[in-house]
Each structure stands twice: as C-alpha cells, then as structure tokens.
Amino acid sequence: MSADPGAGVRVALTAAEWELVSALRDVPGSPLKQRIDELLAELVRFARDPRCTEIQADGVPCTATTPDCESCRKVTDLIDTLKGRLAAR
C-alpha cells in the first residue's frame, strides 16, 4: 500500500480544478506550502458543511451562500479581503 492516499487515483477534473492542483504542486515544500495546504483544507471543510443556522429541517445544509447567512457572510468577507490584499500587492 502506498503512503500517498491519492496514488493511482484517476478522476476527471475541470480545467479550473486542474489549474488549482497544478499550481499547488508547483509551490515548493516549505512552511508556507504547509500553511497554504492547511488553509485550503479548512476552507473546503467549511464549504462542504458550513454548519449555518440556515440548515434545513431534515439536516441538509443550506446550499446558498447568501449575504443573509452570518456564517457564510463571515467567510465570504474574509475571502474578499484576502483577494483584495493579494490583488494590491
């Protein structure tokens, strides 16, 4: 068994997904790379299950990130702030 859990996995990716995967692989191994990996993992975990108050009665998470939801608004505002800071550099 391989130490790499993704070794040999074949999956279809969109062009945007492939671009992201390729860009992540281009970042040299370093503490910065580790922090980027951790940040992206946390962001994806949140997006998959935001645990917002808008959860439906059957337990299914809300599928819309609207400005009305405080949980989603906090994250989208943070993402917008990060994007703005990166664009300004």
N, C-alpha and C. Protein backbone atom coordinates (compact mmCIF):
# COMPACT_ATOMS: atom_id res chain seq x y z
N MET A 1 0.84 -1.18 0.00
CA MET A 1 0.00 0.00 0.00
C MET A 1 0.88 1.24 0.00
N SER A 2 0.51 2.21 -0.78
CA SER A 2 1.29 3.44 -0.91
C SER A 2 1.06 4.36 0.28
N ALA A 3 2.11 5.12 0.63
CA ALA A 3 1.98 6.11 1.69
C ALA A 3 1.15 7.29 1.23
N ASP A 4 1.02 7.47 -0.08
CA ASP A 4 0.25 8.57 -0.65
C ASP A 4 -1.19 8.09 -0.87
N PRO A 5 -2.17 8.64 -0.11
CA PRO A 5 -3.55 8.16 -0.25
C PRO A 5 -4.14 8.43 -1.63
N GLY A 6 -3.57 9.37 -2.39
CA GLY A 6 -4.09 9.68 -3.71
C GLY A 6 -3.37 8.97 -4.84
N ALA A 7 -2.37 8.14 -4.51
CA ALA A 7 -1.57 7.48 -5.54
C ALA A 7 -2.46 6.56 -6.38
N GLY A 8 -2.36 6.73 -7.67
CA GLY A 8 -3.08 5.87 -8.59
C GLY A 8 -4.56 6.22 -8.77
N VAL A 9 -5.02 7.26 -8.13
CA VAL A 9 -6.42 7.65 -8.25
C VAL A 9 -6.62 8.39 -9.57
N ARG A 10 -7.62 7.97 -10.30
CA ARG A 10 -7.94 8.64 -11.56
C ARG A 10 -9.31 9.29 -11.41
N VAL A 11 -9.34 10.58 -11.66
CA VAL A 11 -10.59 11.31 -11.54
C VAL A 11 -10.60 12.42 -12.60
N ALA A 12 -11.78 12.67 -13.13
CA ALA A 12 -11.92 13.75 -14.11
C ALA A 12 -11.94 15.08 -13.38
N LEU A 13 -11.14 16.02 -13.85
CA LEU A 13 -11.10 17.36 -13.26
C LEU A 13 -11.53 18.39 -14.29
N THR A 14 -12.17 19.42 -13.80
CA THR A 14 -12.46 20.55 -14.69
C THR A 14 -11.15 21.27 -14.96
N ALA A 15 -11.16 22.16 -15.93
CA ALA A 15 -9.95 22.93 -16.22
C ALA A 15 -9.52 23.75 -15.00
N ALA A 16 -10.49 24.34 -14.31
CA ALA A 16 -10.17 25.16 -13.12
C ALA A 16 -9.59 24.29 -12.00
N GLU A 17 -10.14 23.09 -11.82
CA GLU A 17 -9.62 22.19 -10.79
C GLU A 17 -8.19 21.76 -11.12
N TRP A 18 -7.95 21.44 -12.38
CA TRP A 18 -6.61 21.03 -12.79
C TRP A 18 -5.61 22.17 -12.60
N GLU A 19 -6.03 23.39 -12.93
CA GLU A 19 -5.17 24.55 -12.75
C GLU A 19 -4.80 24.72 -11.27
N LEU A 20 -5.78 24.54 -10.39
CA LEU A 20 -5.53 24.67 -8.95
C LEU A 20 -4.59 23.58 -8.46
N VAL A 21 -4.84 22.35 -8.85
CA VAL A 21 -3.99 21.23 -8.44
C VAL A 21 -2.56 21.45 -8.95
N SER A 22 -2.43 21.85 -10.19
CA SER A 22 -1.10 22.09 -10.77
C SER A 22 -0.38 23.22 -10.04
N ALA A 23 -1.11 24.29 -9.74
CA ALA A 23 -0.50 25.42 -9.04
C ALA A 23 -0.05 25.02 -7.64
N LEU A 24 -0.85 24.23 -6.95
CA LEU A 24 -0.47 23.76 -5.61
C LEU A 24 0.77 22.88 -5.67
N ARG A 25 0.86 22.06 -6.69
CA ARG A 25 2.03 21.18 -6.83
C ARG A 25 3.28 21.97 -7.16
N ASP A 26 3.13 23.15 -7.76
CA ASP A 26 4.28 23.98 -8.11
C ASP A 26 4.88 24.74 -6.93
N VAL A 27 4.12 24.84 -5.84
CA VAL A 27 4.64 25.55 -4.66
C VAL A 27 5.67 24.65 -3.99
N PRO A 28 6.90 25.14 -3.81
CA PRO A 28 7.94 24.30 -3.20
C PRO A 28 7.58 23.93 -1.76
N GLY A 29 8.00 22.74 -1.37
CA GLY A 29 7.78 22.29 0.01
C GLY A 29 8.43 23.26 0.98
N SER A 30 7.64 23.77 1.92
CA SER A 30 8.13 24.76 2.87
C SER A 30 7.05 24.96 3.92
N PRO A 31 7.37 25.70 4.99
CA PRO A 31 6.32 26.04 5.96
C PRO A 31 5.17 26.81 5.32
N LEU A 32 5.48 27.66 4.32
CA LEU A 32 4.43 28.39 3.63
C LEU A 32 3.50 27.43 2.90
N LYS A 33 4.05 26.46 2.20
CA LYS A 33 3.25 25.46 1.49
C LYS A 33 2.35 24.72 2.47
N GLN A 34 2.89 24.35 3.62
CA GLN A 34 2.10 23.63 4.63
C GLN A 34 0.93 24.50 5.09
N ARG A 35 1.18 25.78 5.31
CA ARG A 35 0.10 26.68 5.76
C ARG A 35 -0.96 26.86 4.68
N ILE A 36 -0.53 26.93 3.41
CA ILE A 36 -1.48 27.04 2.31
C ILE A 36 -2.35 25.79 2.25
N ASP A 37 -1.72 24.61 2.35
CA ASP A 37 -2.46 23.36 2.33
C ASP A 37 -3.48 23.30 3.46
N GLU A 38 -3.07 23.72 4.66
CA GLU A 38 -3.97 23.70 5.82
C GLU A 38 -5.12 24.68 5.63
N LEU A 39 -4.82 25.88 5.13
CA LEU A 39 -5.87 26.88 4.90
C LEU A 39 -6.89 26.39 3.90
N LEU A 40 -6.42 25.84 2.78
CA LEU A 40 -7.34 25.35 1.76
C LEU A 40 -8.18 24.19 2.27
N ALA A 41 -7.58 23.30 3.06
CA ALA A 41 -8.32 22.18 3.63
C ALA A 41 -9.43 22.69 4.55
N GLU A 42 -9.13 23.67 5.38
CA GLU A 42 -10.14 24.24 6.28
C GLU A 42 -11.25 24.93 5.49
N LEU A 43 -10.88 25.67 4.46
CA LEU A 43 -11.86 26.37 3.64
C LEU A 43 -12.80 25.38 2.95
N VAL A 44 -12.25 24.31 2.42
CA VAL A 44 -13.07 23.29 1.76
C VAL A 44 -13.97 22.59 2.78
N ARG A 45 -13.44 22.28 3.97
CA ARG A 45 -14.27 21.67 5.01
C ARG A 45 -15.46 22.57 5.36
N PHE A 46 -15.20 23.87 5.48
CA PHE A 46 -16.29 24.81 5.78
C PHE A 46 -17.31 24.82 4.64
N ALA A 47 -16.82 24.91 3.41
CA ALA A 47 -17.73 25.00 2.26
C ALA A 47 -18.60 23.75 2.14
N ARG A 48 -18.05 22.60 2.50
CA ARG A 48 -18.81 21.35 2.43
C ARG A 48 -19.90 21.30 3.50
N ASP A 49 -19.65 21.90 4.65
CA ASP A 49 -20.60 21.87 5.75
C ASP A 49 -20.44 23.12 6.61
N PRO A 50 -21.05 24.22 6.20
CA PRO A 50 -20.85 25.48 6.92
C PRO A 50 -21.48 25.52 8.31
N ARG A 51 -22.33 24.56 8.65
CA ARG A 51 -23.00 24.50 9.95
C ARG A 51 -23.70 25.81 10.28
N CYS A 52 -24.34 26.35 9.28
CA CYS A 52 -25.01 27.62 9.49
C CYS A 52 -26.40 27.43 10.08
N THR A 53 -26.96 28.50 10.54
CA THR A 53 -28.29 28.46 11.14
C THR A 53 -29.37 28.26 10.09
N GLU A 54 -28.99 28.33 8.82
CA GLU A 54 -29.95 28.16 7.73
C GLU A 54 -30.16 26.68 7.38
N ILE A 55 -29.65 25.77 8.20
CA ILE A 55 -29.77 24.34 7.92
C ILE A 55 -31.24 23.96 7.80
N GLN A 56 -31.52 23.10 6.89
CA GLN A 56 -32.90 22.70 6.65
C GLN A 56 -33.38 21.75 7.74
N ALA A 57 -34.68 21.61 7.87
CA ALA A 57 -35.27 20.78 8.92
C ALA A 57 -34.82 19.33 8.85
N ASP A 58 -34.53 18.83 7.66
CA ASP A 58 -34.10 17.44 7.51
C ASP A 58 -32.60 17.26 7.75
N GLY A 59 -31.92 18.34 8.16
CA GLY A 59 -30.50 18.26 8.47
C GLY A 59 -29.60 18.55 7.29
N VAL A 60 -30.18 18.75 6.11
CA VAL A 60 -29.39 19.04 4.92
C VAL A 60 -28.92 20.48 5.00
N PRO A 61 -27.61 20.71 4.81
CA PRO A 61 -27.10 22.08 4.87
C PRO A 61 -27.70 22.96 3.79
N CYS A 62 -27.73 24.22 4.09
CA CYS A 62 -28.17 25.23 3.13
C CYS A 62 -27.21 25.18 1.93
N THR A 63 -27.75 25.32 0.74
CA THR A 63 -26.90 25.25 -0.46
C THR A 63 -26.58 26.61 -1.04
N ALA A 64 -27.10 27.67 -0.45
CA ALA A 64 -26.87 29.01 -0.98
C ALA A 64 -26.06 29.85 -0.01
N THR A 65 -24.98 30.43 -0.50
CA THR A 65 -24.19 31.33 0.34
C THR A 65 -24.70 32.74 0.10
N THR A 66 -25.72 33.09 0.83
CA THR A 66 -26.35 34.40 0.66
C THR A 66 -25.84 35.37 1.70
N PRO A 67 -25.94 36.66 1.42
CA PRO A 67 -25.49 37.65 2.38
C PRO A 67 -26.30 37.63 3.68
N ASP A 68 -27.44 36.93 3.69
CA ASP A 68 -28.27 36.88 4.89
C ASP A 68 -27.71 35.94 5.95
N CYS A 69 -26.92 34.98 5.56
CA CYS A 69 -26.39 33.99 6.50
C CYS A 69 -25.10 34.52 7.12
N GLU A 70 -25.09 34.67 8.43
CA GLU A 70 -23.93 35.24 9.11
C GLU A 70 -22.68 34.39 8.93
N SER A 71 -22.82 33.06 9.02
CA SER A 71 -21.66 32.18 8.86
C SER A 71 -21.03 32.33 7.49
N CYS A 72 -21.86 32.28 6.46
CA CYS A 72 -21.34 32.38 5.10
C CYS A 72 -20.79 33.79 4.83
N ARG A 73 -21.47 34.80 5.35
CA ARG A 73 -21.01 36.18 5.14
C ARG A 73 -19.63 36.39 5.73
N LYS A 74 -19.37 35.83 6.91
CA LYS A 74 -18.05 35.99 7.54
C LYS A 74 -16.96 35.41 6.64
N VAL A 75 -17.23 34.23 6.10
CA VAL A 75 -16.21 33.58 5.26
C VAL A 75 -16.08 34.28 3.92
N THR A 76 -17.18 34.64 3.30
CA THR A 76 -17.07 35.32 2.01
C THR A 76 -16.40 36.68 2.17
N ASP A 77 -16.67 37.37 3.28
CA ASP A 77 -16.00 38.66 3.54
C ASP A 77 -14.49 38.45 3.71
N LEU A 78 -14.12 37.41 4.42
CA LEU A 78 -12.70 37.10 4.62
C LEU A 78 -12.03 36.78 3.29
N ILE A 79 -12.69 35.98 2.47
CA ILE A 79 -12.14 35.64 1.15
C ILE A 79 -11.97 36.91 0.31
N ASP A 80 -12.97 37.78 0.34
CA ASP A 80 -12.88 39.04 -0.41
C ASP A 80 -11.72 39.90 0.09
N THR A 81 -11.51 39.93 1.40
CA THR A 81 -10.40 40.69 1.97
C THR A 81 -9.06 40.13 1.50
N LEU A 82 -8.93 38.81 1.56
CA LEU A 82 -7.69 38.17 1.10
C LEU A 82 -7.44 38.44 -0.39
N LYS A 83 -8.49 38.30 -1.20
CA LYS A 83 -8.36 38.56 -2.63
C LYS A 83 -7.93 40.00 -2.88
N GLY A 84 -8.53 40.94 -2.15
CA GLY A 84 -8.17 42.35 -2.31
C GLY A 84 -6.73 42.63 -1.93
N ARG A 85 -6.27 42.03 -0.85
CA ARG A 85 -4.89 42.23 -0.41
C ARG A 85 -3.91 41.62 -1.40
N LEU A 86 -4.24 40.46 -1.94
CA LEU A 86 -3.35 39.83 -2.91
C LEU A 86 -3.32 40.61 -4.22
N ALA A 87 -4.46 41.14 -4.63
CA ALA A 87 -4.51 41.92 -5.87
C ALA A 87 -3.72 43.23 -5.72
N ALA A 88 -3.66 43.76 -4.52
CA ALA A 88 -2.98 45.04 -4.28
C ALA A 88 -1.47 44.91 -4.18
N ARG A 89 -0.97 43.70 -4.12
CA ARG A 89 0.48 43.54 -3.94
C ARG A 89 1.19 43.80 -5.18
